[in-house]
Every structure is written in structure tokens, then in C-alpha cells.
N, C-alpha and C. Protein backbone atom coordinates (compact mmCIF):
# COMPACT_ATOMS: atom_id res chain seq x y z
N VAL A 1 0.68 -1.17 0.14
CA VAL A 1 0.05 -0.28 0.00
C VAL A 1 0.91 1.12 -0.12
N LEU A 2 1.57 1.49 0.63
CA LEU A 2 2.66 2.26 1.14
C LEU A 2 3.80 2.91 -0.02
N VAL A 3 4.27 2.04 -0.66
CA VAL A 3 4.95 2.19 -1.56
C VAL A 3 4.37 2.64 -2.72
N ASN A 4 2.81 1.91 -3.43
CA ASN A 4 2.22 2.38 -4.14
C ASN A 4 1.70 3.52 -4.30
N ALA A 5 1.87 3.84 -3.21
CA ALA A 5 0.71 5.53 -2.75
C ALA A 5 1.97 6.65 -3.31
N LEU A 6 2.71 6.01 -2.48
CA LEU A 6 4.06 7.17 -2.87
C LEU A 6 4.41 7.26 -4.37
N ILE A 7 4.72 6.19 -5.08
CA ILE A 7 4.41 5.52 -6.79
C ILE A 7 3.66 6.97 -7.27
N TYR A 8 2.38 6.78 -7.23
CA TYR A 8 1.41 7.61 -7.23
C TYR A 8 1.49 8.83 -6.89
N THR A 9 2.10 9.26 -5.89
CA THR A 9 2.74 11.04 -6.01
C THR A 9 3.31 11.21 -7.15
N MET A 10 4.41 10.49 -7.13
CA MET A 10 5.41 10.68 -7.63
C MET A 10 4.87 10.69 -9.87
N LEU A 11 4.29 10.39 -9.95
CA LEU A 11 3.76 9.51 -10.93
C LEU A 11 3.19 11.35 -11.14
N CYS A 12 2.28 12.36 -10.16
CA CYS A 12 1.92 13.32 -10.40
C CYS A 12 2.61 14.66 -10.14
N ASP A 13 3.77 14.09 -9.51
CA ASP A 13 4.56 15.12 -9.30
C ASP A 13 5.56 15.35 -10.96
N ALA A 14 5.22 14.30 -11.75
CA ALA A 14 6.17 14.56 -12.46
C ALA A 14 5.63 14.92 -13.85
N ALA A 15 4.42 14.76 -13.70
CA ALA A 15 2.94 15.27 -14.96
C ALA A 15 2.95 16.95 -14.39
N TRP A 16 3.20 16.78 -12.81
CA TRP A 16 3.53 18.83 -12.77
C TRP A 16 4.51 19.21 -13.69
N PHE A 17 5.44 18.74 -13.01
CA PHE A 17 7.01 19.14 -13.73
C PHE A 17 6.74 19.36 -15.40
N CYS A 18 6.13 18.50 -15.94
CA CYS A 18 6.39 19.03 -17.65
C CYS A 18 5.12 19.64 -17.98
N SER A 19 4.39 20.11 -16.40
CA SER A 19 3.25 21.21 -16.91
C SER A 19 3.73 22.76 -16.89
N GLU A 20 4.95 22.69 -15.80
CA GLU A 20 5.33 23.88 -15.74
C GLU A 20 6.81 23.75 -16.91
N LEU A 21 6.98 22.91 -17.05
CA LEU A 21 8.14 23.34 -18.41
C LEU A 21 7.76 23.29 -19.91
N GLY A 22 6.27 23.06 -19.44
CA GLY A 22 5.43 23.35 -21.22
C GLY A 22 5.22 22.47 -21.64
N ASP A 23 5.75 21.18 -21.32
CA ASP A 23 5.72 20.05 -22.26
C ASP A 23 4.19 18.76 -22.15
N ASP A 24 3.60 19.21 -22.57
CA ASP A 24 2.59 19.43 -22.69
C ASP A 24 1.97 17.43 -22.77
N GLY A 25 2.62 17.14 -23.97
CA GLY A 25 2.82 15.68 -23.99
C GLY A 25 2.88 14.64 -22.74
N GLY A 26 4.09 15.27 -22.39
CA GLY A 26 4.94 14.48 -21.17
C GLY A 26 3.75 14.76 -19.87
N ARG A 27 3.07 16.03 -19.55
CA ARG A 27 1.97 15.77 -18.36
C ARG A 27 1.26 15.00 -18.93
N VAL A 28 0.38 14.45 -19.83
CA VAL A 28 -0.66 13.72 -20.36
C VAL A 28 -0.47 12.34 -20.16
N ARG A 29 1.46 11.86 -20.85
CA ARG A 29 1.41 10.34 -20.22
C ARG A 29 1.69 10.30 -18.88
N TRP A 30 2.37 11.46 -17.75
CA TRP A 30 2.65 11.17 -16.44
C TRP A 30 0.99 11.04 -15.88
N ILE A 31 0.27 11.71 -15.90
CA ILE A 31 -1.31 11.54 -15.84
C ILE A 31 -1.69 10.80 -16.17
N GLY A 32 -1.32 9.55 -17.10
CA GLY A 32 -2.20 8.22 -17.72
C GLY A 32 -1.87 7.33 -17.00
N ARG A 33 -0.20 7.52 -16.33
CA ARG A 33 0.23 6.76 -15.74
C ARG A 33 -0.42 6.05 -14.34
N ALA A 34 -0.10 7.73 -13.49
CA ALA A 34 -1.01 7.92 -12.42
C ALA A 34 -2.68 7.08 -12.19
N GLU A 35 -3.11 7.88 -13.29
CA GLU A 35 -4.46 7.28 -13.27
C GLU A 35 -4.38 5.56 -13.42
N ASP A 36 -3.53 5.29 -13.98
CA ASP A 36 -3.75 3.57 -14.32
C ASP A 36 -3.16 3.18 -12.65
N LEU A 37 -2.27 3.36 -11.85
CA LEU A 37 -1.72 2.69 -10.83
C LEU A 37 -3.12 2.80 -9.91
N GLN A 38 -3.72 3.89 -10.07
CA GLN A 38 -5.23 4.59 -9.03
C GLN A 38 -5.84 3.46 -9.33
N ARG A 39 -6.41 3.16 -10.37
CA ARG A 39 -6.67 1.75 -10.65
C ARG A 39 -6.63 0.67 -10.29
N ARG A 40 -5.21 0.66 -10.40
CA ARG A 40 -4.63 -0.70 -10.04
C ARG A 40 -4.77 -0.85 -8.27
N ILE A 41 -4.41 0.02 -7.68
CA ILE A 41 -5.00 0.43 -5.96
C ILE A 41 -5.77 0.33 -5.94
N GLN A 42 -7.06 0.72 -6.14
CA GLN A 42 -8.60 0.67 -5.88
C GLN A 42 -9.04 -0.96 -6.21
N ASP A 43 -8.37 -1.86 -7.21
CA ASP A 43 -8.89 -2.52 -7.38
C ASP A 43 -8.09 -4.18 -6.61
N LEU A 44 -7.06 -3.90 -6.50
CA LEU A 44 -6.60 -4.84 -5.92
C LEU A 44 -5.69 -4.33 -4.00
N LEU A 45 -5.74 -3.08 -3.85
CA LEU A 45 -5.97 -2.78 -2.09
C LEU A 45 -6.78 -2.45 -1.44
N TRP A 46 -7.42 -1.90 -2.27
CA TRP A 46 -8.95 -1.88 -1.28
C TRP A 46 -9.50 -2.96 -0.74
N ASN A 47 -9.62 -3.36 0.19
CA ASN A 47 -10.56 -4.30 0.94
C ASN A 47 -11.93 -3.92 1.88
N GLU A 48 -12.99 -4.13 0.40
CA GLU A 48 -14.10 -3.16 0.64
C GLU A 48 -15.27 -3.80 2.29
N SER A 49 -14.96 -5.14 2.36
CA SER A 49 -15.20 -6.05 3.65
C SER A 49 -14.54 -5.52 4.95
N ARG A 50 -13.16 -5.17 4.84
CA ARG A 50 -12.60 -4.36 5.53
C ARG A 50 -12.99 -2.82 6.03
N GLY A 51 -13.05 -2.29 4.84
CA GLY A 51 -13.19 -1.22 4.42
C GLY A 51 -11.63 -0.09 5.24
N ILE A 52 -10.83 -1.27 4.88
CA ILE A 52 -9.35 -0.07 4.47
C ILE A 52 -8.83 -0.76 3.40
N PHE A 53 -7.47 -0.30 3.55
CA PHE A 53 -6.57 -0.71 2.02
C PHE A 53 -5.43 -1.85 2.76
N LEU A 54 -5.32 -2.69 2.07
CA LEU A 54 -4.75 -3.86 2.45
C LEU A 54 -3.28 -4.48 1.78
N ASP A 55 -2.18 -4.58 1.67
CA ASP A 55 -1.41 -5.38 0.95
C ASP A 55 -1.91 -6.27 0.35
N TYR A 56 -1.12 -6.75 -0.69
CA TYR A 56 -1.66 -7.79 -1.72
C TYR A 56 -0.71 -8.69 -2.44
N ASP A 57 -1.20 -10.07 -1.74
CA ASP A 57 -0.20 -11.05 -2.14
C ASP A 57 -0.52 -12.03 -3.61
N PHE A 58 0.50 -11.51 -4.31
CA PHE A 58 0.45 -11.96 -5.66
C PHE A 58 0.05 -13.49 -6.10
N VAL A 59 0.79 -14.51 -4.69
CA VAL A 59 0.63 -15.85 -4.59
C VAL A 59 -0.44 -16.29 -4.87
N THR A 60 -1.68 -15.62 -3.50
CA THR A 60 -2.71 -16.02 -3.16
C THR A 60 -3.32 -15.52 -3.87
N ARG A 61 -3.06 -14.38 -4.24
CA ARG A 61 -4.08 -13.76 -5.09
C ARG A 61 -5.36 -13.48 -3.82
N GLU A 62 -4.53 -12.62 -2.14
CA GLU A 62 -5.69 -12.64 -1.74
C GLU A 62 -5.14 -11.07 -0.65
N SER A 63 -5.62 -10.18 -0.30
CA SER A 63 -5.31 -9.22 1.06
C SER A 63 -4.59 -10.35 1.95
N THR A 64 -3.35 -9.32 2.36
CA THR A 64 -2.81 -9.87 3.73
C THR A 64 -4.13 -9.57 4.49
N SER A 65 -3.87 -10.73 6.04
CA SER A 65 -4.39 -10.67 7.20
C SER A 65 -4.43 -9.34 8.11
N ILE A 66 -3.65 -8.95 8.22
CA ILE A 66 -3.17 -7.76 9.19
C ILE A 66 -3.46 -6.84 9.04
N ALA A 67 -4.52 -6.18 9.19
CA ALA A 67 -4.54 -4.40 8.93
C ALA A 67 -3.00 -3.56 9.82
N HIS A 68 -2.75 -2.85 8.78
CA HIS A 68 -1.57 -1.87 9.07
C HIS A 68 -1.86 0.01 8.87
N ALA A 69 -0.91 0.50 9.60
CA ALA A 69 -1.98 1.60 9.51
C ALA A 69 -1.17 2.50 8.23
N GLU A 70 -0.45 1.80 7.31
CA GLU A 70 0.04 2.55 6.68
C GLU A 70 -1.60 2.54 5.49
N THR A 71 -3.09 2.49 5.87
CA THR A 71 -3.84 2.51 5.24
C THR A 71 -4.40 3.66 5.38
N PHE A 72 -4.15 4.41 5.86
CA PHE A 72 -4.23 5.74 5.60
C PHE A 72 -3.18 6.87 4.66
N VAL A 73 -2.00 5.99 4.16
CA VAL A 73 -1.42 6.92 3.01
C VAL A 73 -1.92 6.79 1.81
N PRO A 74 -2.99 6.04 1.35
CA PRO A 74 -3.54 6.77 0.45
C PRO A 74 -4.74 7.87 0.65
N LEU A 75 -4.80 8.11 1.78
CA LEU A 75 -5.60 9.24 2.41
C LEU A 75 -4.74 10.84 2.20
N TRP A 76 -3.60 10.38 2.13
CA TRP A 76 -2.40 11.42 2.40
C TRP A 76 -2.05 11.44 0.75
N ALA A 77 -2.11 10.66 -0.10
CA ALA A 77 -1.59 11.12 -1.32
C ALA A 77 -3.11 11.39 -2.22
N GLY A 78 -4.50 11.37 -1.86
CA GLY A 78 -5.25 11.87 -2.21
C GLY A 78 -6.02 10.34 -3.70
N LEU A 79 -5.33 9.33 -2.64
CA LEU A 79 -5.89 8.29 -3.66
C LEU A 79 -7.46 7.77 -3.55
N ALA A 80 -7.39 8.24 -2.30
CA ALA A 80 -9.19 7.63 -1.37
C ALA A 80 -10.13 8.66 -1.95
N ASN A 81 -11.71 7.72 -1.90
CA ASN A 81 -12.78 8.68 -2.28
C ASN A 81 -12.91 8.99 -1.12
N LEU A 82 -14.04 9.68 -1.28
CA LEU A 82 -14.98 9.93 0.56
C LEU A 82 -15.18 8.79 1.22
N GLU A 83 -16.17 7.86 0.62
CA GLU A 83 -16.64 6.80 1.39
C GLU A 83 -15.16 5.88 2.09
N GLN A 84 -13.96 5.80 0.85
CA GLN A 84 -12.98 5.02 1.65
C GLN A 84 -12.28 5.71 3.07
N SER A 85 -12.06 7.11 2.77
CA SER A 85 -11.64 7.75 3.53
C SER A 85 -12.65 7.56 5.11
N ALA A 86 -13.82 7.22 4.68
CA ALA A 86 -14.93 7.47 6.10
C ALA A 86 -14.47 5.87 6.77
N ARG A 87 -14.58 5.58 5.70
CA ARG A 87 -14.46 3.92 6.41
C ARG A 87 -13.07 3.40 6.92
N VAL A 88 -11.82 3.84 6.39
CA VAL A 88 -10.30 3.79 7.05
C VAL A 88 -10.47 4.69 8.44
N ARG A 89 -10.90 6.08 8.26
CA ARG A 89 -11.50 6.69 9.57
C ARG A 89 -11.88 5.87 10.60
N GLU A 90 -13.09 5.07 10.36
CA GLU A 90 -13.90 4.50 11.27
C GLU A 90 -12.92 3.41 11.90
N ASN A 91 -11.50 2.75 10.85
CA ASN A 91 -11.00 1.59 11.83
C ASN A 91 -9.75 2.24 12.66
N LEU A 92 -9.57 3.42 12.53
CA LEU A 92 -8.90 4.22 13.23
C LEU A 92 -8.74 3.36 14.97
N PRO A 93 -9.45 3.32 15.27
CA PRO A 93 -9.28 2.81 16.90
C PRO A 93 -8.66 1.42 16.84
N LEU A 94 -8.18 0.68 15.33
CA LEU A 94 -7.43 -0.24 15.56
C LEU A 94 -5.99 -0.21 15.85
N PHE A 95 -5.70 1.10 15.50
CA PHE A 95 -4.11 1.36 15.47
C PHE A 95 -3.80 2.20 16.55
N GLU A 96 -4.82 3.88 16.89
CA GLU A 96 -4.93 5.03 18.00
C GLU A 96 -4.67 4.05 19.40
N GLN A 97 -4.14 4.63 20.26
CA GLN A 97 -3.73 3.72 21.22
C GLN A 97 -3.62 5.32 22.05
N ALA A 98 -3.13 5.05 23.75
CA ALA A 98 -3.27 6.18 24.17
C ALA A 98 -2.15 7.02 24.06
N HIS A 99 -1.21 6.71 23.56
CA HIS A 99 -0.15 7.42 23.14
C HIS A 99 1.07 7.49 21.86
N GLY A 100 -0.37 7.57 20.84
CA GLY A 100 -0.02 7.75 19.66
C GLY A 100 -0.72 6.54 18.54
N VAL A 101 -0.10 6.19 17.79
CA VAL A 101 -0.47 4.94 16.57
C VAL A 101 0.28 3.73 16.40
N ALA A 102 -0.21 2.86 16.54
CA ALA A 102 0.74 1.29 16.26
C ALA A 102 0.38 1.19 15.06
N ALA A 103 1.83 0.82 14.78
CA ALA A 103 1.78 0.45 13.20
C ALA A 103 1.45 -0.28 12.73
N CYS A 104 0.38 -1.68 13.83
CA CYS A 104 -0.58 -2.44 12.90
C CYS A 104 -1.46 -2.66 14.30
N GLU A 105 -2.72 -3.94 13.65
CA GLU A 105 -3.63 -3.77 14.74
C GLU A 105 -2.77 -4.52 15.68
N ASP A 106 -3.25 -5.27 16.53
CA ASP A 106 -2.63 -6.35 17.96
C ASP A 106 -3.17 -7.76 17.51
N LEU A 107 -2.83 -8.43 16.42
CA LEU A 107 -3.36 -9.91 16.05
C LEU A 107 -1.94 -10.57 16.35
N PRO A 108 -2.17 -11.74 17.35
CA PRO A 108 -1.25 -12.83 17.86
C PRO A 108 -0.89 -13.30 16.35
N HIS A 109 1.19 -13.00 16.13
CA HIS A 109 1.92 -14.07 15.49
C HIS A 109 3.21 -14.31 15.86
N ASP A 110 3.55 -15.12 15.43
CA ASP A 110 5.15 -15.78 15.95
C ASP A 110 6.59 -15.74 15.32
N ARG A 111 6.06 -13.85 15.07
CA ARG A 111 7.55 -13.26 14.23
C ARG A 111 7.94 -12.01 14.87
N ILE A 112 9.11 -11.73 15.37
CA ILE A 112 8.99 -10.67 15.48
C ILE A 112 9.17 -9.51 14.51
N CYS A 113 9.04 -8.23 14.49
CA CYS A 113 9.18 -7.32 13.39
C CYS A 113 9.06 -6.01 13.94
N GLN A 114 9.57 -5.04 13.22
CA GLN A 114 9.89 -3.78 13.64
C GLN A 114 8.77 -3.30 13.53
N TRP A 115 8.20 -3.00 12.45
CA TRP A 115 6.26 -2.39 12.09
C TRP A 115 5.73 -3.49 12.46
N ASP A 116 5.64 -3.42 13.98
CA ASP A 116 4.88 -4.23 14.66
C ASP A 116 3.88 -3.38 15.87
N TYR A 117 2.75 -4.08 16.13
CA TYR A 117 1.95 -3.82 17.52
C TYR A 117 3.27 -3.58 18.54
N PRO A 118 2.90 -2.64 19.50
CA PRO A 118 2.51 -1.44 19.68
C PRO A 118 3.81 -0.51 18.94
N ASN A 119 4.35 -0.79 18.26
CA ASN A 119 5.12 0.43 17.81
C ASN A 119 4.86 1.72 17.49
N ALA A 120 5.15 2.88 17.85
CA ALA A 120 4.68 3.86 17.02
C ALA A 120 5.46 4.59 16.40
N TRP A 121 6.14 4.23 14.76
CA TRP A 121 7.15 4.97 14.36
C TRP A 121 6.64 6.56 13.61
N PRO A 122 7.28 7.02 13.50
CA PRO A 122 7.17 8.68 12.83
C PRO A 122 6.70 8.73 11.57
N PRO A 123 6.98 8.22 10.57
CA PRO A 123 6.36 8.35 9.32
C PRO A 123 5.02 7.73 9.04
N ILE A 124 4.64 6.90 9.86
CA ILE A 124 3.53 5.70 9.80
C ILE A 124 2.63 7.02 10.58
N THR A 125 3.10 7.73 11.65
CA THR A 125 2.37 8.98 11.97
C THR A 125 2.00 10.12 11.32
N GLU A 126 3.22 10.56 11.24
CA GLU A 126 2.72 11.81 9.87
C GLU A 126 1.69 11.25 8.94
N PHE A 127 2.13 9.75 8.42
CA PHE A 127 0.98 9.60 7.12
C PHE A 127 -0.40 9.28 8.11
N VAL A 128 -0.31 9.22 9.13
CA VAL A 128 -2.26 8.93 9.58
C VAL A 128 -2.66 10.26 9.99
N PHE A 129 -2.01 11.59 10.51
CA PHE A 129 -2.77 12.83 10.65
C PHE A 129 -2.88 13.60 9.47
N ARG A 130 -1.40 13.80 8.64
CA ARG A 130 -1.83 14.29 7.43
C ARG A 130 -2.54 13.49 6.77
N GLY A 131 -3.45 12.38 6.92
CA GLY A 131 -4.58 12.04 5.83
C GLY A 131 -5.69 11.84 6.37
N LEU A 132 -5.75 12.21 7.47
CA LEU A 132 -7.06 12.22 8.58
C LEU A 132 -7.48 13.96 7.93
N ALA A 133 -6.27 14.82 8.11
CA ALA A 133 -6.38 16.34 7.87
C ALA A 133 -6.77 16.32 6.78
N ARG A 134 -5.99 15.64 5.73
CA ARG A 134 -6.14 16.16 4.21
C ARG A 134 -7.93 15.85 4.14
N SER A 135 -8.33 14.06 4.58
CA SER A 135 -9.81 14.01 3.91
C SER A 135 -10.89 14.77 4.86
N GLY A 136 -10.51 16.21 5.53
CA GLY A 136 -11.48 16.87 6.42
C GLY A 136 -11.74 16.20 8.38
N TYR A 137 -10.99 15.35 8.74
CA TYR A 137 -11.15 15.21 9.80
C TYR A 137 -10.34 15.13 10.80
N LEU A 138 -10.26 17.18 11.24
CA LEU A 138 -9.13 17.84 11.82
C LEU A 138 -9.08 17.34 13.40
N ASP A 139 -10.26 16.94 13.79
CA ASP A 139 -9.84 16.84 14.96
C ASP A 139 -9.03 15.33 15.58
N ASP A 140 -9.76 14.70 14.85
CA ASP A 140 -8.98 13.13 14.74
C ASP A 140 -7.42 13.48 14.64
N ALA A 141 -7.26 13.78 13.52
CA ALA A 141 -5.53 14.70 13.41
C ALA A 141 -4.86 14.75 14.34
N ARG A 142 -6.20 16.09 14.84
CA ARG A 142 -4.98 16.97 15.90
C ARG A 142 -4.70 16.19 16.96
N ARG A 143 -5.97 15.17 17.75
CA ARG A 143 -5.39 13.99 18.47
C ARG A 143 -4.04 13.14 18.66
N VAL A 144 -4.09 12.59 17.09
CA VAL A 144 -2.94 12.34 16.99
C VAL A 144 -1.30 12.57 16.87
N ALA A 145 -1.95 13.83 16.28
CA ALA A 145 0.25 14.66 16.43
C ALA A 145 -0.08 15.50 18.06
N LEU A 146 -1.20 15.21 18.59
CA LEU A 146 -0.69 15.65 20.09
C LEU A 146 -0.54 14.83 20.85
N LYS A 147 -0.81 13.31 20.61
CA LYS A 147 -0.47 12.23 21.13
C LYS A 147 1.03 12.19 21.27
N TYR A 148 1.27 12.28 19.85
CA TYR A 148 2.73 11.84 19.00
C TYR A 148 3.25 13.05 19.99
N THR A 149 3.80 13.74 19.57
CA THR A 149 4.15 15.18 20.08
C THR A 149 4.46 15.39 21.70
N THR A 150 3.48 15.16 22.14
CA THR A 150 3.54 14.83 23.69
C THR A 150 4.73 13.38 23.97
N ALA A 151 4.41 12.40 23.56
CA ALA A 151 5.14 11.14 24.10
C ALA A 151 6.44 11.77 23.47
N LEU A 152 7.02 12.11 23.06
CA LEU A 152 8.33 12.67 22.23
C LEU A 152 9.26 13.80 23.13
N GLU A 153 8.37 14.62 24.09
CA GLU A 153 8.67 16.04 24.69
C GLU A 153 9.00 15.36 26.17
N GLY A 154 8.00 14.51 26.63
CA GLY A 154 8.51 13.61 27.87
C GLY A 154 9.46 13.31 27.73
N HIS A 155 9.69 11.95 26.91
CA HIS A 155 11.28 11.17 27.06
C HIS A 155 12.36 12.13 26.68
N PHE A 156 12.30 13.40 25.52
CA PHE A 156 13.77 14.21 25.64
C PHE A 156 13.69 15.15 27.01
N ALA A 157 12.47 15.19 28.11
CA ALA A 157 12.60 16.06 29.10
C ALA A 157 13.51 14.97 30.13
N SER A 158 13.05 13.58 30.15
CA SER A 158 13.90 12.65 30.88
C SER A 158 15.19 11.93 30.36
N THR A 159 15.33 12.26 29.51
CA THR A 159 16.53 10.94 28.55
C THR A 159 17.84 11.95 27.92
N GLY A 160 17.29 13.27 27.67
CA GLY A 160 17.44 13.96 26.68
C GLY A 160 17.71 13.91 25.42
N GLN A 161 16.93 12.84 24.65
CA GLN A 161 16.96 12.23 23.64
C GLN A 161 15.91 12.41 23.09
N LEU A 162 16.05 12.25 21.59
CA LEU A 162 14.77 11.73 21.03
C LEU A 162 14.70 10.31 19.97
N TRP A 163 13.97 9.27 20.01
CA TRP A 163 14.15 7.85 19.64
C TRP A 163 13.86 7.57 18.88
N GLU A 164 13.61 6.18 18.34
CA GLU A 164 13.32 6.16 16.66
C GLU A 164 12.02 5.42 17.15
N LYS A 165 11.41 5.04 17.75
CA LYS A 165 9.94 4.23 17.83
C LYS A 165 9.32 4.86 19.35
N TYR A 166 8.27 4.48 19.45
CA TYR A 166 7.88 4.57 21.04
C TYR A 166 6.85 3.31 21.03
N ASN A 167 6.52 3.38 22.09
CA ASN A 167 5.17 1.99 22.95
C ASN A 167 3.86 2.61 22.47
N ALA A 168 2.93 2.69 21.45
CA ALA A 168 1.81 3.66 22.04
C ALA A 168 0.87 3.24 22.85
N VAL A 169 1.15 2.22 23.48
CA VAL A 169 0.58 2.12 23.87
C VAL A 169 0.43 2.44 25.37
N THR A 170 2.11 2.00 26.35
CA THR A 170 2.47 2.62 27.72
C THR A 170 2.58 4.05 27.32
N GLY A 171 3.33 3.99 26.17
CA GLY A 171 4.25 5.90 26.10
C GLY A 171 5.15 5.45 26.30
N GLU A 172 6.08 4.52 26.41
CA GLU A 172 7.28 4.36 26.65
C GLU A 172 8.00 3.63 25.80
N LEU A 173 9.32 3.31 26.28
CA LEU A 173 10.66 2.69 25.00
C LEU A 173 10.51 1.34 25.25
N ASP A 174 9.45 0.52 25.82
CA ASP A 174 9.59 -0.80 25.57
C ASP A 174 8.42 -1.37 24.28
N VAL A 175 9.61 -1.35 22.91
CA VAL A 175 9.51 -1.66 21.72
C VAL A 175 9.64 -3.33 21.75
N VAL A 176 8.66 -3.45 20.70
CA VAL A 176 9.52 -4.67 19.78
C VAL A 176 9.93 -3.96 18.70
N ASP A 177 11.56 -4.85 18.98
CA ASP A 177 12.90 -4.71 18.25
C ASP A 177 13.53 -6.04 17.84
N GLU A 178 13.83 -5.78 16.58
CA GLU A 178 14.92 -6.71 16.09
C GLU A 178 16.26 -6.54 16.13
N TYR A 179 16.42 -5.29 17.00
CA TYR A 179 18.18 -4.67 17.30
C TYR A 179 18.20 -3.73 18.30
N GLN A 180 18.73 -3.31 19.12
CA GLN A 180 18.71 -2.31 19.81
C GLN A 180 18.54 -0.81 19.31
N MET A 181 17.05 -0.46 20.02
CA MET A 181 16.84 0.68 19.26
C MET A 181 17.92 2.06 19.66
N PRO A 182 17.76 2.67 18.40
CA PRO A 182 18.79 4.08 18.80
C PRO A 182 18.44 5.09 18.77
N PRO A 183 19.36 5.70 19.80
CA PRO A 183 18.95 7.23 20.00
C PRO A 183 18.64 8.27 18.48
N PHE A 184 18.05 9.25 18.90
CA PHE A 184 17.86 9.85 17.35
C PHE A 184 18.22 9.86 16.62
N ILE A 185 17.11 9.29 15.39
CA ILE A 185 16.35 9.35 14.70
C ILE A 185 16.33 10.68 13.66
N GLY A 186 16.70 10.81 12.46
CA GLY A 186 16.33 11.68 11.78
C GLY A 186 15.07 12.24 11.21
N TRP A 187 14.63 11.09 11.03
CA TRP A 187 11.93 11.47 10.86
C TRP A 187 12.00 11.57 12.66
N THR A 188 12.55 10.86 13.36
CA THR A 188 11.89 11.66 14.18
C THR A 188 11.89 13.33 14.32
N ALA A 189 12.88 13.40 14.52
CA ALA A 189 13.25 15.11 14.57
C ALA A 189 11.96 15.51 13.75
N GLY A 190 12.24 14.87 12.75
CA GLY A 190 11.50 15.75 11.40
C GLY A 190 9.80 15.98 11.15
N VAL A 191 9.40 14.45 12.12
CA VAL A 191 8.32 14.49 12.45
C VAL A 191 7.56 15.38 13.55
N TYR A 192 8.54 15.08 14.17
CA TYR A 192 7.94 15.87 15.05
C TYR A 192 7.95 17.38 15.14
N LEU A 193 8.67 18.08 14.59
CA LEU A 193 8.65 19.08 13.96
C LEU A 193 7.22 19.70 12.74
N SER A 194 7.36 18.86 12.55
CA SER A 194 6.07 18.42 11.20
C SER A 194 4.34 18.33 11.83
N ALA A 195 4.68 18.01 13.01
CA ALA A 195 3.29 17.26 13.93
C ALA A 195 3.37 18.84 14.86
N ARG A 196 4.08 19.38 15.00
CA ARG A 196 3.90 20.27 16.22
C ARG A 196 3.77 22.12 15.42
N ASP A 197 4.17 22.21 13.85
CA ASP A 197 4.00 23.12 12.89
C ASP A 197 2.13 22.92 12.53
N PHE A 198 1.70 21.96 12.31
CA PHE A 198 0.37 21.72 11.95
C PHE A 198 -0.39 21.46 13.43
N LEU A 199 -0.01 21.93 14.24
CA LEU A 199 -1.09 21.95 15.44
C LEU A 199 -0.85 23.03 15.97
N ASN A 200 0.27 24.46 15.84
CA ASN A 200 0.27 25.48 15.72
C ASN A 200 -0.65 26.04 15.14
N LYS A 201 -0.65 25.13 13.72
CA LYS A 201 -1.85 25.85 12.49
C LYS A 201 -2.82 25.60 12.49
N ALA A 202 -3.54 24.22 12.68
CA ALA A 202 -4.44 23.71 13.21
C ALA A 202 -5.15 24.36 14.36
């Protein structure tokens, strides 16, 4: 979901660049590619029964079973229609916890994964609150952004560090790890500044 939505935005950017350069033929080609990818995303990644975007397994020809917060990326990218945005928003409680947004829903499995419940990752947080805001759900967007900035500020006050990720449930650093979590990752600072800017403007 995430990769295809990002590619869609890049195709739209390429069309915009062509328009700025006066290359109408190029603009039309890139728009066509973006529209084709949008149709494929709608056909293969939208799961009507669950009301979310899910990754698609080309081997089994089925949606994956675990819902991931990347379902908000199509909202951020402008790919989701009004009904889809509303249904994705209804599924926010699958991910939103007391101290932020967990990467995925809480389901049992037998592997340790970085992008797992209850880890709250900066880029996923950005996609969630920006996607909600773009879809008109400003109260939800503000709440998610505030939870994240509050968690970061609390840990910075106590440790003098920003951290790669946080536990969205406890608000602490007891995360699911495949390696020792490093302090001060660039995207943590970047998303913090983005969230504070959003909150100040909102």
C-alpha cells in the first residue's frame, strides 16, 4: 500500500513538472500512468469487507490478513474517495492508542517484526494525521499529532534524547525490537517538527 501510494504521488509530481516546463505531451503521459496506478490500487489494495487498504499477495491472490496503519497513506496521497476515507477513519481505533498510533493492529503471530504492534513509528504517524487532515477529519488529526508530540517531549525531558520509535500503548520505550533501538533518528525530529507545525496552524 505505502510504496504504491508513494509512486502515485511521484507520477503526479512528474506530470506537474512537465506542465511547468510546457511539455503537454509529457504531462498527459504521466497523468495517464498515475490514473492507471490509481485504478490498480483501487482494484487490488482496497478491501471492501474490512473498509481499509491492505497489501496484496500476488501468489495467493488475496489481501494480507493484518491491518496496517499504512492504510492511511492513500488518504494522504489523495487516492481514496470520500467513502473510503470515511471507512478508513472508522478503523482508526485499530491503531490509535493512548500515546500514539501503533503500526498495525494487535493480532497474535510468531515473528518479531520492527513495524509491529505496539510500535509507534514517526513516518506512519505523519501519514495518519496528514491523511486524516486531508480528508477533513481535523479533530482526529490533531489528537493523533498531539499524542505523538507529547510522548516525544516527555522522553526528551527525561532522557535528553529523541528515539527511533515509541510504545503507543504505554508511552514508554518498551518497543518490539529486532535490534537495539538507537536514539535520535532524523525522521523522529522531522515528524515532531511537522506535527508541531500542524498543531500550531490547526
